[in-house]
Amino acid sequence: METKHTPSPWFAVDYAGSICIQSGPMYEDLDLLCYDSIFSDIVPPSKEVVEANAKLMATAPELLEALKILLREFDNLIDHVVDMGFIDFEDESIDGVKDAENAKNEAISAIKKATE
């Protein structure tokens, strides 16, 4: 699946008080997303909140890839367990089957939001 976002790694950095996300090492001319209260008409969140948001955004590409791997391995595990006759994954009366299916659907939905 082709991604449209800037490839990882991303980094959360502080540029003279502005919290920025950049797609490469310092001082390179790369994609940059900054939050700067100078350009904001609203009261900025605290520096702690901005930094936490920046760290989350900076790890987004890695989280997306990890979720894709987890989903793939989940499907492989279910196929193996079903093939071995240990569980009938269609039997929703078994504890956790419905929760696992709901978690899988949430993962699929999150991946679609990030990639479409």
C-alpha atoms as a PDB file:
ATOM      1  CA  MET A   1       0.000   0.000   0.000  1.00  0.00           C
ATOM      2  CA  GLU A   2       1.438   3.337  -1.067  1.00  0.00           C
ATOM      3  CA  THR A   3       1.490   6.059   1.568  1.00  0.00           C
ATOM      4  CA  LYS A   4       0.870   9.710   0.815  1.00  0.00           C
ATOM      5  CA  HIS A   5       2.402  11.132   3.989  1.00  0.00           C
ATOM      6  CA  THR A   6       5.984  12.192   4.523  1.00  0.00           C
ATOM      7  CA  PRO A   7       8.027   9.067   5.199  1.00  0.00           C
ATOM      8  CA  SER A   8       9.371   8.440   8.689  1.00  0.00           C
ATOM      9  CA  PRO A   9      11.305   9.089  10.767  1.00  0.00           C
ATOM     10  CA  TRP A  10       9.767  12.265  12.087  1.00  0.00           C
ATOM     11  CA  PHE A  11      11.236  14.260  14.943  1.00  0.00           C
ATOM     12  CA  ALA A  12       9.663  16.616  17.510  1.00  0.00           C
ATOM     13  CA  VAL A  13      11.984  19.606  17.856  1.00  0.00           C
ATOM     14  CA  ASP A  14      11.990  23.022  19.484  1.00  0.00           C
ATOM     15  CA  TYR A  15      12.806  25.946  17.171  1.00  0.00           C
ATOM     16  CA  ALA A  16      13.137  29.072  19.311  1.00  0.00           C
ATOM     17  CA  GLY A  17      10.015  28.269  21.305  1.00  0.00           C
ATOM     18  CA  SER A  18       7.996  26.806  18.440  1.00  0.00           C
ATOM     19  CA  ILE A  19       7.336  23.086  18.681  1.00  0.00           C
ATOM     20  CA  CYS A  20       7.866  21.564  15.240  1.00  0.00           C
ATOM     21  CA  ILE A  21       7.665  18.207  13.544  1.00  0.00           C
ATOM     22  CA  GLN A  22      10.282  17.649  10.877  1.00  0.00           C
ATOM     23  CA  SER A  23      11.050  14.681   8.669  1.00  0.00           C
ATOM     24  CA  GLY A  24      14.802  14.528   9.038  1.00  0.00           C
ATOM     25  CA  PRO A  25      17.865  15.649  10.957  1.00  0.00           C
ATOM     26  CA  MET A  26      18.238  19.229  12.106  1.00  0.00           C
ATOM     27  CA  TYR A  27      19.099  21.979   9.631  1.00  0.00           C
ATOM     28  CA  GLU A  28      17.961  20.136   6.536  1.00  0.00           C
ATOM     29  CA  ASP A  29      15.368  21.631   4.195  1.00  0.00           C
ATOM     30  CA  LEU A  30      12.645  19.081   4.899  1.00  0.00           C
ATOM     31  CA  ASP A  31       8.912  18.984   5.509  1.00  0.00           C
ATOM     32  CA  LEU A  32       8.168  20.933   8.662  1.00  0.00           C
ATOM     33  CA  LEU A  33       5.009  21.414  10.709  1.00  0.00           C
ATOM     34  CA  CYS A  34       5.194  23.994  13.482  1.00  0.00           C
ATOM     35  CA  TYR A  35       2.919  25.272  16.181  1.00  0.00           C
ATOM     36  CA  ASP A  36       3.719  28.868  17.002  1.00  0.00           C
ATOM     37  CA  SER A  37       1.564  31.015  19.262  1.00  0.00           C
ATOM     38  CA  ILE A  38       2.576  34.101  17.256  1.00  0.00           C
ATOM     39  CA  PHE A  39       0.389  32.861  14.392  1.00  0.00           C
ATOM     40  CA  SER A  40      -2.476  31.627  16.538  1.00  0.00           C
ATOM     41  CA  ASP A  41      -5.661  33.538  17.315  1.00  0.00           C
ATOM     42  CA  ILE A  42      -6.453  31.146  20.143  1.00  0.00           C
ATOM     43  CA  VAL A  43      -4.835  30.697  23.509  1.00  0.00           C
ATOM     44  CA  PRO A  44      -2.090  28.140  22.954  1.00  0.00           C
ATOM     45  CA  PRO A  45      -2.013  24.997  25.044  1.00  0.00           C
ATOM     46  CA  SER A  46       0.743  24.650  27.587  1.00  0.00           C
ATOM     47  CA  LYS A  47       4.238  23.845  26.362  1.00  0.00           C
ATOM     48  CA  GLU A  48       3.880  20.423  28.005  1.00  0.00           C
ATOM     49  CA  VAL A  49       0.737  19.665  25.963  1.00  0.00           C
ATOM     50  CA  VAL A  50       2.287  20.961  22.740  1.00  0.00           C
ATOM     51  CA  GLU A  51       5.386  18.815  23.294  1.00  0.00           C
ATOM     52  CA  ALA A  52       3.265  15.736  24.022  1.00  0.00           C
ATOM     53  CA  ASN A  53       1.231  16.337  20.857  1.00  0.00           C
ATOM     54  CA  ALA A  54       4.411  16.818  18.844  1.00  0.00           C
ATOM     55  CA  LYS A  55       5.880  13.556  20.147  1.00  0.00           C
ATOM     56  CA  LEU A  56       2.683  11.708  19.239  1.00  0.00           C
ATOM     57  CA  MET A  57       2.671  13.203  15.732  1.00  0.00           C
ATOM     58  CA  ALA A  58       6.354  12.428  15.313  1.00  0.00           C
ATOM     59  CA  THR A  59       5.749   8.753  16.063  1.00  0.00           C
ATOM     60  CA  ALA A  60       2.649   8.491  13.843  1.00  0.00           C
ATOM     61  CA  PRO A  61       4.426   6.812  10.888  1.00  0.00           C
ATOM     62  CA  GLU A  62       5.983   4.202  13.182  1.00  0.00           C
ATOM     63  CA  LEU A  63       2.661   3.607  14.950  1.00  0.00           C
ATOM     64  CA  LEU A  64       0.935   3.145  11.593  1.00  0.00           C
ATOM     65  CA  GLU A  65       3.500   0.569  10.465  1.00  0.00           C
ATOM     66  CA  ALA A  66       3.334  -1.233  13.825  1.00  0.00           C
ATOM     67  CA  LEU A  67      -0.468  -1.391  13.599  1.00  0.00           C
ATOM     68  CA  LYS A  68      -0.268  -2.837  10.075  1.00  0.00           C
ATOM     69  CA  ILE A  69       2.175  -5.514  11.286  1.00  0.00           C
ATOM     70  CA  LEU A  70       0.041  -6.283  14.337  1.00  0.00           C
ATOM     71  CA  LEU A  71      -3.076  -6.661  12.187  1.00  0.00           C
ATOM     72  CA  ARG A  72      -1.273  -8.946   9.734  1.00  0.00           C
ATOM     73  CA  GLU A  73       0.119 -11.120  12.536  1.00  0.00           C
ATOM     74  CA  PHE A  74      -3.283 -11.223  14.256  1.00  0.00           C
ATOM     75  CA  ASP A  75      -4.821 -12.607  11.065  1.00  0.00           C
ATOM     76  CA  ASN A  76      -1.984 -15.138  10.728  1.00  0.00           C
ATOM     77  CA  LEU A  77      -2.468 -16.279  14.328  1.00  0.00           C
ATOM     78  CA  ILE A  78      -6.230 -16.643  13.946  1.00  0.00           C
ATOM     79  CA  ASP A  79      -5.769 -18.633  10.726  1.00  0.00           C
ATOM     80  CA  HIS A  80      -3.283 -20.927  12.479  1.00  0.00           C
ATOM     81  CA  VAL A  81      -5.471 -21.425  15.561  1.00  0.00           C
ATOM     82  CA  VAL A  82      -8.531 -22.172  13.411  1.00  0.00           C
ATOM     83  CA  ASP A  83      -6.564 -24.534  11.117  1.00  0.00           C
ATOM     84  CA  MET A  84      -5.284 -26.443  14.149  1.00  0.00           C
ATOM     85  CA  GLY A  85      -8.863 -26.822  15.408  1.00  0.00           C
ATOM     86  CA  PHE A  86      -8.208 -25.027  18.694  1.00  0.00           C
ATOM     87  CA  ILE A  87     -11.007 -22.500  18.276  1.00  0.00           C
ATOM     88  CA  ASP A  88     -13.923 -21.672  16.052  1.00  0.00           C
ATOM     89  CA  PHE A  89     -13.420 -17.956  15.564  1.00  0.00           C
ATOM     90  CA  GLU A  90     -16.979 -17.678  14.240  1.00  0.00           C
ATOM     91  CA  ASP A  91     -18.310 -18.760  17.663  1.00  0.00           C
ATOM     92  CA  GLU A  92     -18.995 -15.425  19.390  1.00  0.00           C
ATOM     93  CA  SER A  93     -19.956 -17.214  22.609  1.00  0.00           C
ATOM     94  CA  ILE A  94     -16.246 -17.804  23.282  1.00  0.00           C
ATOM     95  CA  ASP A  95     -14.838 -15.142  25.624  1.00  0.00           C
ATOM     96  CA  GLY A  96     -12.882 -12.500  23.767  1.00  0.00           C
ATOM     97  CA  VAL A  97     -13.870 -13.416  20.199  1.00  0.00           C
ATOM     98  CA  LYS A  98     -16.235 -10.474  19.775  1.00  0.00           C
ATOM     99  CA  ASP A  99     -13.776  -8.109  21.508  1.00  0.00           C
ATOM    100  CA  ALA A 100     -10.950  -9.307  19.251  1.00  0.00           C
ATOM    101  CA  GLU A 101     -13.096  -8.800  16.153  1.00  0.00           C
ATOM    102  CA  ASN A 102     -14.070  -5.293  17.334  1.00  0.00           C
ATOM    103  CA  ALA A 103     -10.407  -4.425  17.992  1.00  0.00           C
ATOM    104  CA  LYS A 104      -9.484  -5.695  14.516  1.00  0.00           C
ATOM    105  CA  ASN A 105     -12.195  -3.549  12.932  1.00  0.00           C
ATOM    106  CA  GLU A 106     -11.002  -0.478  14.863  1.00  0.00           C
ATOM    107  CA  ALA A 107      -7.450  -1.112  13.628  1.00  0.00           C
ATOM    108  CA  ILE A 108      -8.656  -1.414  10.034  1.00  0.00           C
ATOM    109  CA  SER A 109     -10.645   1.802  10.403  1.00  0.00           C
ATOM    110  CA  ALA A 110      -7.655   3.677  11.858  1.00  0.00           C
ATOM    111  CA  ILE A 111      -5.408   2.506   9.025  1.00  0.00           C
ATOM    112  CA  LYS A 112      -7.984   3.674   6.459  1.00  0.00           C
ATOM    113  CA  LYS A 113      -8.215   7.099   8.109  1.00  0.00           C
ATOM    114  CA  ALA A 114      -4.437   7.433   7.984  1.00  0.00           C
ATOM    115  CA  THR A 115      -3.952   6.225   4.415  1.00  0.00           C
ATOM    116  CA  GLU A 116      -6.961   7.243   2.341  1.00  0.00           C
END
